[in-house]
Amino acid sequence: MNKFFIFLILAIVACSPKVVTFTHSDVKRASEKFPGSTKQTLIAGKDIFTNSCGNCHPYKEPSTKTEAQWKIIVPKMVVAVNKKQNIEVINSKKEVLLLAYLVTMSTAPKK
C-alpha cells in the first residue's frame, strides 16, 4: 500500500506541468512580442494552459515547440476546444494570453 501511494504521487508529479516562476527576463521577452505583458498576464496564460489544454491531451512543455509552431497550433486548438464544448471556452483575449505564455516560455533560456 505504501509503495502504491508513492507511485501515485510520482505519477501525478510527472504528468503535471512543472512549476514555473516568471522572471524579469520572461516578462521582458513577453512584452517585446506582446506589448503590455506582465508577470500577471503570463500567470493567466499559464493558468489557461494548465486548466484547458491538458483536458484533451498530455501537456506539452512550451519549449517543445517554436514560436512559429505555437502561432499555428494555438488558434487551431482554440477552435477545436470551443467546437468540442459547443461554447466559447477560450475567447480571443484568453487566446492571446495563452499564446503569450507559450511563445515566451518556448524561448526561455535552458536551465
PDB file of N, CA and C in Angstrom:
ATOM      1  N   MET A   1       0.829  -1.198   0.000  1.00  0.00           N
ATOM      2  CA  MET A   1       0.000   0.000   0.000  1.00  0.00           C
ATOM      3  C   MET A   1       0.866   1.252   0.000  1.00  0.00           C
ATOM      4  N   ASN A   2       1.901   1.253   0.797  1.00  0.00           N
ATOM      5  CA  ASN A   2       2.778   2.404   0.893  1.00  0.00           C
ATOM      6  C   ASN A   2       3.495   2.659  -0.437  1.00  0.00           C
ATOM      7  N   LYS A   3       3.932   1.585  -1.122  1.00  0.00           N
ATOM      8  CA  LYS A   3       4.590   1.723  -2.422  1.00  0.00           C
ATOM      9  C   LYS A   3       3.618   2.278  -3.453  1.00  0.00           C
ATOM     10  N   PHE A   4       2.364   1.846  -3.391  1.00  0.00           N
ATOM     11  CA  PHE A   4       1.353   2.338  -4.328  1.00  0.00           C
ATOM     12  C   PHE A   4       1.157   3.840  -4.158  1.00  0.00           C
ATOM     13  N   PHE A   5       1.094   4.304  -2.919  1.00  0.00           N
ATOM     14  CA  PHE A   5       0.924   5.723  -2.643  1.00  0.00           C
ATOM     15  C   PHE A   5       2.092   6.528  -3.209  1.00  0.00           C
ATOM     16  N   ILE A   6       3.300   6.058  -3.019  1.00  0.00           N
ATOM     17  CA  ILE A   6       4.480   6.742  -3.549  1.00  0.00           C
ATOM     18  C   ILE A   6       4.441   6.764  -5.074  1.00  0.00           C
ATOM     19  N   PHE A   7       4.088   5.632  -5.690  1.00  0.00           N
ATOM     20  CA  PHE A   7       3.974   5.566  -7.147  1.00  0.00           C
ATOM     21  C   PHE A   7       2.932   6.551  -7.652  1.00  0.00           C
ATOM     22  N   LEU A   8       1.799   6.620  -6.983  1.00  0.00           N
ATOM     23  CA  LEU A   8       0.728   7.524  -7.383  1.00  0.00           C
ATOM     24  C   LEU A   8       1.191   8.983  -7.329  1.00  0.00           C
ATOM     25  N   ILE A   9       1.861   9.360  -6.287  1.00  0.00           N
ATOM     26  CA  ILE A   9       2.379  10.726  -6.154  1.00  0.00           C
ATOM     27  C   ILE A   9       3.375  11.021  -7.274  1.00  0.00           C
ATOM     28  N   LEU A  10       4.289  10.094  -7.529  1.00  0.00           N
ATOM     29  CA  LEU A  10       5.276  10.292  -8.593  1.00  0.00           C
ATOM     30  C   LEU A  10       4.611  10.413  -9.960  1.00  0.00           C
ATOM     31  N   ALA A  11       3.585   9.629 -10.205  1.00  0.00           N
ATOM     32  CA  ALA A  11       2.875   9.687 -11.490  1.00  0.00           C
ATOM     33  C   ALA A  11       2.172  11.027 -11.660  1.00  0.00           C
ATOM     34  N   ILE A  12       1.571  11.513 -10.603  1.00  0.00           N
ATOM     35  CA  ILE A  12       0.875  12.814 -10.670  1.00  0.00           C
ATOM     36  C   ILE A  12       1.877  13.927 -10.934  1.00  0.00           C
ATOM     37  N   VAL A  13       2.987  13.903 -10.236  1.00  0.00           N
ATOM     38  CA  VAL A  13       4.006  14.934 -10.412  1.00  0.00           C
ATOM     39  C   VAL A  13       4.601  14.871 -11.817  1.00  0.00           C
ATOM     40  N   ALA A  14       4.860  13.682 -12.312  1.00  0.00           N
ATOM     41  CA  ALA A  14       5.474  13.530 -13.636  1.00  0.00           C
ATOM     42  C   ALA A  14       4.547  13.990 -14.748  1.00  0.00           C
ATOM     43  N   CYS A  15       3.253  13.835 -14.579  1.00  0.00           N
ATOM     44  CA  CYS A  15       2.294  14.191 -15.617  1.00  0.00           C
ATOM     45  C   CYS A  15       1.815  15.633 -15.519  1.00  0.00           C
ATOM     46  N   SER A  16       2.169  16.298 -14.462  1.00  0.00           N
ATOM     47  CA  SER A  16       1.737  17.682 -14.272  1.00  0.00           C
ATOM     48  C   SER A  16       2.739  18.636 -14.902  1.00  0.00           C
ATOM     49  N   PRO A  17       2.233  19.786 -15.403  1.00  0.00           N
ATOM     50  CA  PRO A  17       3.196  20.766 -15.896  1.00  0.00           C
ATOM     51  C   PRO A  17       4.073  21.246 -14.749  1.00  0.00           C
ATOM     52  N   LYS A  18       5.344  21.481 -15.033  1.00  0.00           N
ATOM     53  CA  LYS A  18       6.239  21.873 -13.953  1.00  0.00           C
ATOM     54  C   LYS A  18       5.907  23.280 -13.456  1.00  0.00           C
ATOM     55  N   VAL A  19       6.263  23.518 -12.217  1.00  0.00           N
ATOM     56  CA  VAL A  19       6.012  24.813 -11.606  1.00  0.00           C
ATOM     57  C   VAL A  19       6.922  25.845 -12.269  1.00  0.00           C
ATOM     58  N   VAL A  20       6.331  26.947 -12.664  1.00  0.00           N
ATOM     59  CA  VAL A  20       7.085  27.988 -13.345  1.00  0.00           C
ATOM     60  C   VAL A  20       7.014  29.258 -12.513  1.00  0.00           C
ATOM     61  N   THR A  21       8.163  29.831 -12.253  1.00  0.00           N
ATOM     62  CA  THR A  21       8.208  31.156 -11.653  1.00  0.00           C
ATOM     63  C   THR A  21       8.754  32.083 -12.728  1.00  0.00           C
ATOM     64  N   PHE A  22       8.050  33.142 -12.975  1.00  0.00           N
ATOM     65  CA  PHE A  22       8.408  34.045 -14.056  1.00  0.00           C
ATOM     66  C   PHE A  22       9.416  35.075 -13.567  1.00  0.00           C
ATOM     67  N   THR A  23      10.424  35.286 -14.389  1.00  0.00           N
ATOM     68  CA  THR A  23      11.486  36.235 -14.059  1.00  0.00           C
ATOM     69  C   THR A  23      11.252  37.552 -14.805  1.00  0.00           C
ATOM     70  N   HIS A  24      12.042  38.536 -14.446  1.00  0.00           N
ATOM     71  CA  HIS A  24      12.003  39.813 -15.153  1.00  0.00           C
ATOM     72  C   HIS A  24      12.338  39.594 -16.630  1.00  0.00           C
ATOM     73  N   SER A  25      13.262  38.698 -16.904  1.00  0.00           N
ATOM     74  CA  SER A  25      13.652  38.372 -18.272  1.00  0.00           C
ATOM     75  C   SER A  25      12.474  37.790 -19.061  1.00  0.00           C
ATOM     76  N   ASP A  26      11.670  36.939 -18.413  1.00  0.00           N
ATOM     77  CA  ASP A  26      10.478  36.371 -19.064  1.00  0.00           C
ATOM     78  C   ASP A  26       9.498  37.477 -19.432  1.00  0.00           C
ATOM     79  N   VAL A  27       9.255  38.368 -18.497  1.00  0.00           N
ATOM     80  CA  VAL A  27       8.313  39.465 -18.732  1.00  0.00           C
ATOM     81  C   VAL A  27       8.825  40.364 -19.851  1.00  0.00           C
ATOM     82  N   LYS A  28      10.124  40.610 -19.859  1.00  0.00           N
ATOM     83  CA  LYS A  28      10.711  41.449 -20.918  1.00  0.00           C
ATOM     84  C   LYS A  28      10.530  40.792 -22.287  1.00  0.00           C
ATOM     85  N   ARG A  29      10.830  39.492 -22.388  1.00  0.00           N
ATOM     86  CA  ARG A  29      10.636  38.784 -23.662  1.00  0.00           C
ATOM     87  C   ARG A  29       9.180  38.820 -24.084  1.00  0.00           C
ATOM     88  N   ALA A  30       8.281  38.634 -23.141  1.00  0.00           N
ATOM     89  CA  ALA A  30       6.848  38.653 -23.451  1.00  0.00           C
ATOM     90  C   ALA A  30       6.421  40.015 -23.966  1.00  0.00           C
ATOM     91  N   SER A  31       6.854  41.063 -23.293  1.00  0.00           N
ATOM     92  CA  SER A  31       6.401  42.408 -23.663  1.00  0.00           C
ATOM     93  C   SER A  31       6.980  42.862 -25.002  1.00  0.00           C
ATOM     94  N   GLU A  32       8.084  42.276 -25.430  1.00  0.00           N
ATOM     95  CA  GLU A  32       8.639  42.605 -26.743  1.00  0.00           C
ATOM     96  C   GLU A  32       7.740  42.093 -27.868  1.00  0.00           C
ATOM     97  N   LYS A  33       7.111  40.956 -27.662  1.00  0.00           N
ATOM     98  CA  LYS A  33       6.255  40.359 -28.688  1.00  0.00           C
ATOM     99  C   LYS A  33       4.775  40.598 -28.422  1.00  0.00           C
ATOM    100  N   PHE A  34       4.438  40.794 -27.173  1.00  0.00           N
ATOM    101  CA  PHE A  34       3.053  41.019 -26.756  1.00  0.00           C
ATOM    102  C   PHE A  34       3.045  42.244 -25.843  1.00  0.00           C
ATOM    103  N   PRO A  35       3.033  43.445 -26.425  1.00  0.00           N
ATOM    104  CA  PRO A  35       3.109  44.675 -25.618  1.00  0.00           C
ATOM    105  C   PRO A  35       2.064  44.696 -24.500  1.00  0.00           C
ATOM    106  N   GLY A  36       2.504  45.161 -23.355  1.00  0.00           N
ATOM    107  CA  GLY A  36       1.614  45.229 -22.196  1.00  0.00           C
ATOM    108  C   GLY A  36       1.666  43.987 -21.329  1.00  0.00           C
ATOM    109  N   SER A  37       2.458  42.996 -21.725  1.00  0.00           N
ATOM    110  CA  SER A  37       2.562  41.771 -20.929  1.00  0.00           C
ATOM    111  C   SER A  37       3.197  42.074 -19.583  1.00  0.00           C
ATOM    112  N   THR A  38       2.715  41.372 -18.583  1.00  0.00           N
ATOM    113  CA  THR A  38       3.226  41.499 -17.217  1.00  0.00           C
ATOM    114  C   THR A  38       3.376  40.099 -16.633  1.00  0.00           C
ATOM    115  N   LYS A  39       3.914  40.056 -15.444  1.00  0.00           N
ATOM    116  CA  LYS A  39       4.001  38.768 -14.751  1.00  0.00           C
ATOM    117  C   LYS A  39       2.590  38.177 -14.582  1.00  0.00           C
ATOM    118  N   GLN A  40       1.615  39.042 -14.291  1.00  0.00           N
ATOM    119  CA  GLN A  40       0.236  38.578 -14.094  1.00  0.00           C
ATOM    120  C   GLN A  40      -0.363  38.020 -15.380  1.00  0.00           C
ATOM    121  N   THR A  41      -0.041  38.616 -16.537  1.00  0.00           N
ATOM    122  CA  THR A  41      -0.597  38.084 -17.787  1.00  0.00           C
ATOM    123  C   THR A  41       0.049  36.751 -18.138  1.00  0.00           C
ATOM    124  N   LEU A  42       1.335  36.589 -17.802  1.00  0.00           N
ATOM    125  CA  LEU A  42       1.971  35.285 -18.019  1.00  0.00           C
ATOM    126  C   LEU A  42       1.360  34.229 -17.103  1.00  0.00           C
ATOM    127  N   ILE A  43       1.082  34.601 -15.876  1.00  0.00           N
ATOM    128  CA  ILE A  43       0.430  33.672 -14.941  1.00  0.00           C
ATOM    129  C   ILE A  43      -0.947  33.285 -15.482  1.00  0.00           C
ATOM    130  N   ALA A  44      -1.688  34.263 -15.991  1.00  0.00           N
ATOM    131  CA  ALA A  44      -3.016  33.984 -16.550  1.00  0.00           C
ATOM    132  C   ALA A  44      -2.908  33.043 -17.744  1.00  0.00           C
ATOM    133  N   GLY A  45      -1.921  33.258 -18.614  1.00  0.00           N
ATOM    134  CA  GLY A  45      -1.721  32.372 -19.759  1.00  0.00           C
ATOM    135  C   GLY A  45      -1.364  30.967 -19.340  1.00  0.00           C
ATOM    136  N   LYS A  46      -0.516  30.856 -18.323  1.00  0.00           N
ATOM    137  CA  LYS A  46      -0.157  29.528 -17.815  1.00  0.00           C
ATOM    138  C   LYS A  46      -1.375  28.842 -17.203  1.00  0.00           C
ATOM    139  N   ASP A  47      -2.203  29.596 -16.500  1.00  0.00           N
ATOM    140  CA  ASP A  47      -3.416  29.020 -15.910  1.00  0.00           C
ATOM    141  C   ASP A  47      -4.360  28.491 -16.992  1.00  0.00           C
ATOM    142  N   ILE A  48      -4.502  29.233 -18.076  1.00  0.00           N
ATOM    143  CA  ILE A  48      -5.343  28.767 -19.190  1.00  0.00           C
ATOM    144  C   ILE A  48      -4.758  27.481 -19.747  1.00  0.00           C
ATOM    145  N   PHE A  49      -3.444  27.466 -19.935  1.00  0.00           N
ATOM    146  CA  PHE A  49      -2.754  26.276 -20.432  1.00  0.00           C
ATOM    147  C   PHE A  49      -2.997  25.088 -19.503  1.00  0.00           C
ATOM    148  N   THR A  50      -2.785  25.293 -18.223  1.00  0.00           N
ATOM    149  CA  THR A  50      -2.922  24.223 -17.241  1.00  0.00           C
ATOM    150  C   THR A  50      -4.361  23.717 -17.134  1.00  0.00           C
ATOM    151  N   ASN A  51      -5.319  24.629 -17.159  1.00  0.00           N
ATOM    152  CA  ASN A  51      -6.711  24.255 -16.923  1.00  0.00           C
ATOM    153  C   ASN A  51      -7.469  23.852 -18.179  1.00  0.00           C
ATOM    154  N   SER A  52      -6.940  24.120 -19.355  1.00  0.00           N
ATOM    155  CA  SER A  52      -7.677  23.809 -20.581  1.00  0.00           C
ATOM    156  C   SER A  52      -6.974  22.770 -21.448  1.00  0.00           C
ATOM    157  N   CYS A  53      -5.717  22.956 -21.712  1.00  0.00           N
ATOM    158  CA  CYS A  53      -5.025  22.130 -22.707  1.00  0.00           C
ATOM    159  C   CYS A  53      -4.889  20.666 -22.289  1.00  0.00           C
ATOM    160  N   GLY A  54      -4.665  20.429 -21.027  1.00  0.00           N
ATOM    161  CA  GLY A  54      -4.482  19.062 -20.551  1.00  0.00           C
ATOM    162  C   GLY A  54      -5.760  18.252 -20.460  1.00  0.00           C
ATOM    163  N   ASN A  55      -6.901  18.872 -20.727  1.00  0.00           N
ATOM    164  CA  ASN A  55      -8.161  18.130 -20.674  1.00  0.00           C
ATOM    165  C   ASN A  55      -8.325  17.176 -21.848  1.00  0.00           C
ATOM    166  N   CYS A  56      -7.651  17.461 -22.965  1.00  0.00           N
ATOM    167  CA  CYS A  56      -7.822  16.645 -24.169  1.00  0.00           C
ATOM    168  C   CYS A  56      -6.583  15.823 -24.517  1.00  0.00           C
ATOM    169  N   HIS A  57      -5.420  16.236 -24.074  1.00  0.00           N
ATOM    170  CA  HIS A  57      -4.185  15.541 -24.427  1.00  0.00           C
ATOM    171  C   HIS A  57      -3.128  15.832 -23.372  1.00  0.00           C
ATOM    172  N   PRO A  58      -2.054  15.046 -23.360  1.00  0.00           N
ATOM    173  CA  PRO A  58      -0.985  15.314 -22.392  1.00  0.00           C
ATOM    174  C   PRO A  58      -0.389  16.699 -22.605  1.00  0.00           C
ATOM    175  N   TYR A  59       0.081  17.279 -21.527  1.00  0.00           N
ATOM    176  CA  TYR A  59       0.713  18.592 -21.594  1.00  0.00           C
ATOM    177  C   TYR A  59       1.964  18.529 -22.455  1.00  0.00           C
ATOM    178  N   LYS A  60       2.200  19.596 -23.188  1.00  0.00           N
ATOM    179  CA  LYS A  60       3.449  19.786 -23.925  1.00  0.00           C
ATOM    180  C   LYS A  60       4.164  20.944 -23.248  1.00  0.00           C
ATOM    181  N   GLU A  61       5.406  20.755 -22.924  1.00  0.00           N
ATOM    182  CA  GLU A  61       6.176  21.866 -22.386  1.00  0.00           C
ATOM    183  C   GLU A  61       6.313  22.920 -23.482  1.00  0.00           C
ATOM    184  N   PRO A  62       6.219  24.201 -23.153  1.00  0.00           N
ATOM    185  CA  PRO A  62       6.344  25.246 -24.171  1.00  0.00           C
ATOM    186  C   PRO A  62       7.602  25.120 -25.019  1.00  0.00           C
ATOM    187  N   SER A  63       8.682  24.635 -24.433  1.00  0.00           N
ATOM    188  CA  SER A  63       9.953  24.541 -25.158  1.00  0.00           C
ATOM    189  C   SER A  63       9.961  23.437 -26.219  1.00  0.00           C
ATOM    190  N   THR A  64       8.914  22.605 -26.257  1.00  0.00           N
ATOM    191  CA  THR A  64       8.879  21.535 -27.255  1.00  0.00           C
ATOM    192  C   THR A  64       8.485  22.046 -28.640  1.00  0.00           C
ATOM    193  N   LYS A  65       8.028  23.279 -28.713  1.00  0.00           N
ATOM    194  CA  LYS A  65       7.618  23.885 -29.991  1.00  0.00           C
ATOM    195  C   LYS A  65       8.293  25.243 -30.136  1.00  0.00           C
ATOM    196  N   THR A  66       8.411  25.683 -31.379  1.00  0.00           N
ATOM    197  CA  THR A  66       8.970  27.009 -31.639  1.00  0.00           C
ATOM    198  C   THR A  66       7.854  28.045 -31.592  1.00  0.00           C
ATOM    199  N   GLU A  67       8.256  29.305 -31.591  1.00  0.00           N
ATOM    200  CA  GLU A  67       7.279  30.386 -31.632  1.00  0.00           C
ATOM    201  C   GLU A  67       6.364  30.226 -32.845  1.00  0.00           C
ATOM    202  N   ALA A  68       6.954  29.963 -34.004  1.00  0.00           N
ATOM    203  CA  ALA A  68       6.162  29.813 -35.235  1.00  0.00           C
ATOM    204  C   ALA A  68       5.169  28.657 -35.113  1.00  0.00           C
ATOM    205  N   GLN A  69       5.605  27.560 -34.517  1.00  0.00           N
ATOM    206  CA  GLN A  69       4.710  26.409 -34.348  1.00  0.00           C
ATOM    207  C   GLN A  69       3.549  26.741 -33.412  1.00  0.00           C
ATOM    208  N   TRP A  70       3.843  27.409 -32.283  1.00  0.00           N
ATOM    209  CA  TRP A  70       2.771  27.770 -31.348  1.00  0.00           C
ATOM    210  C   TRP A  70       1.772  28.704 -32.013  1.00  0.00           C
ATOM    211  N   LYS A  71       2.257  29.607 -32.876  1.00  0.00           N
ATOM    212  CA  LYS A  71       1.350  30.551 -33.535  1.00  0.00           C
ATOM    213  C   LYS A  71       0.422  29.858 -34.528  1.00  0.00           C
ATOM    214  N   ILE A  72       0.777  28.672 -34.960  1.00  0.00           N
ATOM    215  CA  ILE A  72      -0.098  27.864 -35.821  1.00  0.00           C
ATOM    216  C   ILE A  72      -0.987  26.959 -34.976  1.00  0.00           C
ATOM    217  N   ILE A  73      -0.401  26.336 -33.973  1.00  0.00           N
ATOM    218  CA  ILE A  73      -1.109  25.342 -33.156  1.00  0.00           C
ATOM    219  C   ILE A  73      -2.208  25.970 -32.301  1.00  0.00           C
ATOM    220  N   VAL A  74      -1.891  27.052 -31.597  1.00  0.00           N
ATOM    221  CA  VAL A  74      -2.842  27.619 -30.632  1.00  0.00           C
ATOM    222  C   VAL A  74      -4.173  28.007 -31.277  1.00  0.00           C
ATOM    223  N   PRO A  75      -4.195  28.760 -32.368  1.00  0.00           N
ATOM    224  CA  PRO A  75      -5.502  29.098 -32.958  1.00  0.00           C
ATOM    225  C   PRO A  75      -6.311  27.862 -33.365  1.00  0.00           C
ATOM    226  N   LYS A  76      -5.637  26.852 -33.896  1.00  0.00           N
ATOM    227  CA  LYS A  76      -6.341  25.612 -34.281  1.00  0.00           C
ATOM    228  C   LYS A  76      -6.921  24.910 -33.054  1.00  0.00           C
ATOM    229  N   MET A  77      -6.157  24.854 -31.986  1.00  0.00           N
ATOM    230  CA  MET A  77      -6.625  24.190 -30.772  1.00  0.00           C
ATOM    231  C   MET A  77      -7.764  24.963 -30.111  1.00  0.00           C
ATOM    232  N   VAL A  78      -7.707  26.284 -30.162  1.00  0.00           N
ATOM    233  CA  VAL A  78      -8.786  27.105 -29.592  1.00  0.00           C
ATOM    234  C   VAL A  78     -10.090  26.825 -30.342  1.00  0.00           C
ATOM    235  N   VAL A  79     -10.018  26.794 -31.666  1.00  0.00           N
ATOM    236  CA  VAL A  79     -11.210  26.468 -32.460  1.00  0.00           C
ATOM    237  C   VAL A  79     -11.713  25.075 -32.094  1.00  0.00           C
ATOM    238  N   ALA A  80     -10.802  24.123 -31.985  1.00  0.00           N
ATOM    239  CA  ALA A  80     -11.187  22.741 -31.681  1.00  0.00           C
ATOM    240  C   ALA A  80     -11.851  22.616 -30.311  1.00  0.00           C
ATOM    241  N   VAL A  81     -11.281  23.234 -29.282  1.00  0.00           N
ATOM    242  CA  VAL A  81     -11.854  23.110 -27.939  1.00  0.00           C
ATOM    243  C   VAL A  81     -13.205  23.813 -27.861  1.00  0.00           C
ATOM    244  N   ASN A  82     -13.314  24.971 -28.498  1.00  0.00           N
ATOM    245  CA  ASN A  82     -14.596  25.684 -28.474  1.00  0.00           C
ATOM    246  C   ASN A  82     -15.668  24.897 -29.218  1.00  0.00           C
ATOM    247  N   LYS A  83     -15.283  24.282 -30.322  1.00  0.00           N
ATOM    248  CA  LYS A  83     -16.228  23.468 -31.095  1.00  0.00           C
ATOM    249  C   LYS A  83     -16.632  22.223 -30.305  1.00  0.00           C
ATOM    250  N   LYS A  84     -15.657  21.579 -29.683  1.00  0.00           N
ATOM    251  CA  LYS A  84     -15.923  20.365 -28.906  1.00  0.00           C
ATOM    252  C   LYS A  84     -16.876  20.642 -27.744  1.00  0.00           C
ATOM    253  N   GLN A  85     -16.719  21.785 -27.109  1.00  0.00           N
ATOM    254  CA  GLN A  85     -17.534  22.127 -25.949  1.00  0.00           C
ATOM    255  C   GLN A  85     -18.842  22.829 -26.321  1.00  0.00           C
ATOM    256  N   ASN A  86     -18.978  23.225 -27.586  1.00  0.00           N
ATOM    257  CA  ASN A  86     -20.160  23.958 -28.057  1.00  0.00           C
ATOM    258  C   ASN A  86     -20.356  25.298 -27.353  1.00  0.00           C
ATOM    259  N   ILE A  87     -19.292  25.808 -26.762  1.00  0.00           N
ATOM    260  CA  ILE A  87     -19.304  27.141 -26.163  1.00  0.00           C
ATOM    261  C   ILE A  87     -17.914  27.737 -26.327  1.00  0.00           C
ATOM    262  N   GLU A  88     -17.819  29.027 -26.128  1.00  0.00           N
ATOM    263  CA  GLU A  88     -16.519  29.677 -26.232  1.00  0.00           C
ATOM    264  C   GLU A  88     -15.774  29.508 -24.910  1.00  0.00           C
ATOM    265  N   VAL A  89     -15.025  28.424 -24.819  1.00  0.00           N
ATOM    266  CA  VAL A  89     -14.233  28.145 -23.627  1.00  0.00           C
ATOM    267  C   VAL A  89     -13.048  29.109 -23.560  1.00  0.00           C
ATOM    268  N   ILE A  90     -12.414  29.301 -24.710  1.00  0.00           N
ATOM    269  CA  ILE A  90     -11.265  30.205 -24.792  1.00  0.00           C
ATOM    270  C   ILE A  90     -11.625  31.296 -25.792  1.00  0.00           C
ATOM    271  N   ASN A  91     -11.836  32.514 -25.271  1.00  0.00           N
ATOM    272  CA  ASN A  91     -12.161  33.641 -26.147  1.00  0.00           C
ATOM    273  C   ASN A  91     -10.864  34.246 -26.693  1.00  0.00           C
ATOM    274  N   SER A  92     -10.997  35.277 -27.510  1.00  0.00           N
ATOM    275  CA  SER A  92      -9.813  35.856 -28.156  1.00  0.00           C
ATOM    276  C   SER A  92      -8.829  36.448 -27.144  1.00  0.00           C
ATOM    277  N   LYS A  93      -9.326  37.022 -26.065  1.00  0.00           N
ATOM    278  CA  LYS A  93      -8.429  37.577 -25.042  1.00  0.00           C
ATOM    279  C   LYS A  93      -7.641  36.457 -24.361  1.00  0.00           C
ATOM    280  N   LYS A  94      -8.316  35.371 -24.013  1.00  0.00           N
ATOM    281  CA  LYS A  94      -7.630  34.235 -23.398  1.00  0.00           C
ATOM    282  C   LYS A  94      -6.652  33.591 -24.371  1.00  0.00           C
ATOM    283  N   GLU A  95      -7.011  33.573 -25.656  1.00  0.00           N
ATOM    284  CA  GLU A  95      -6.114  33.006 -26.669  1.00  0.00           C
ATOM    285  C   GLU A  95      -4.798  33.781 -26.713  1.00  0.00           C
ATOM    286  N   VAL A  96      -4.872  35.098 -26.644  1.00  0.00           N
ATOM    287  CA  VAL A  96      -3.659  35.921 -26.660  1.00  0.00           C
ATOM    288  C   VAL A  96      -2.826  35.656 -25.408  1.00  0.00           C
ATOM    289  N   LEU A  97      -3.470  35.538 -24.253  1.00  0.00           N
ATOM    290  CA  LEU A  97      -2.746  35.248 -23.011  1.00  0.00           C
ATOM    291  C   LEU A  97      -2.047  33.893 -23.098  1.00  0.00           C
ATOM    292  N   LEU A  98      -2.756  32.907 -23.615  1.00  0.00           N
ATOM    293  CA  LEU A  98      -2.196  31.568 -23.783  1.00  0.00           C
ATOM    294  C   LEU A  98      -1.012  31.598 -24.738  1.00  0.00           C
ATOM    295  N   LEU A  99      -1.193  32.245 -25.867  1.00  0.00           N
ATOM    296  CA  LEU A  99      -0.124  32.329 -26.857  1.00  0.00           C
ATOM    297  C   LEU A  99       1.084  33.080 -26.301  1.00  0.00           C
ATOM    298  N   ALA A 100       0.846  34.159 -25.582  1.00  0.00           N
ATOM    299  CA  ALA A 100       1.952  34.921 -24.991  1.00  0.00           C
ATOM    300  C   ALA A 100       2.757  34.051 -24.029  1.00  0.00           C
ATOM    301  N   TYR A 101       2.063  33.281 -23.208  1.00  0.00           N
ATOM    302  CA  TYR A 101       2.751  32.379 -22.279  1.00  0.00           C
ATOM    303  C   TYR A 101       3.584  31.348 -23.037  1.00  0.00           C
ATOM    304  N   LEU A 102       2.962  30.667 -24.004  1.00  0.00           N
ATOM    305  CA  LEU A 102       3.659  29.596 -24.721  1.00  0.00           C
ATOM    306  C   LEU A 102       4.842  30.121 -25.533  1.00  0.00           C
ATOM    307  N   VAL A 103       4.643  31.220 -26.244  1.00  0.00           N
ATOM    308  CA  VAL A 103       5.730  31.791 -27.049  1.00  0.00           C
ATOM    309  C   VAL A 103       6.865  32.264 -26.149  1.00  0.00           C
ATOM    310  N   THR A 104       6.514  32.956 -25.088  1.00  0.00           N
ATOM    311  CA  THR A 104       7.539  33.466 -24.170  1.00  0.00           C
ATOM    312  C   THR A 104       8.349  32.336 -23.564  1.00  0.00           C
ATOM    313  N   MET A 105       7.685  31.329 -23.087  1.00  0.00           N
ATOM    314  CA  MET A 105       8.397  30.252 -22.414  1.00  0.00           C
ATOM    315  C   MET A 105       9.072  29.308 -23.402  1.00  0.00           C
ATOM    316  N   SER A 106       8.649  29.319 -24.650  1.00  0.00           N
ATOM    317  CA  SER A 106       9.345  28.486 -25.654  1.00  0.00           C
ATOM    318  C   SER A 106      10.725  29.054 -25.954  1.00  0.00           C
ATOM    319  N   THR A 107      10.926  30.333 -25.659  1.00  0.00           N
ATOM    320  CA  THR A 107      12.220  30.973 -25.918  1.00  0.00           C
ATOM    321  C   THR A 107      13.002  31.220 -24.636  1.00  0.00           C
ATOM    322  N   ALA A 108      12.556  30.637 -23.542  1.00  0.00           N
ATOM    323  CA  ALA A 108      13.277  30.811 -22.266  1.00  0.00           C
ATOM    324  C   ALA A 108      14.614  30.106 -22.336  1.00  0.00           C
ATOM    325  N   PRO A 109      15.644  30.696 -21.750  1.00  0.00           N
ATOM    326  CA  PRO A 109      16.958  30.025 -21.729  1.00  0.00           C
ATOM    327  C   PRO A 109      16.855  28.684 -21.018  1.00  0.00           C
ATOM    328  N   LYS A 110      17.566  27.720 -21.514  1.00  0.00           N
ATOM    329  CA  LYS A 110      17.567  26.389 -20.898  1.00  0.00           C
ATOM    330  C   LYS A 110      18.300  26.435 -19.575  1.00  0.00           C
ATOM    331  N   LYS A 111      17.741  25.738 -18.590  1.00  0.00           N
ATOM    332  CA  LYS A 111      18.356  25.740 -17.245  1.00  0.00           C
ATOM    333  C   LYS A 111      19.188  24.505 -17.036  1.00  0.00           C
TER     334      LYS A 111
END
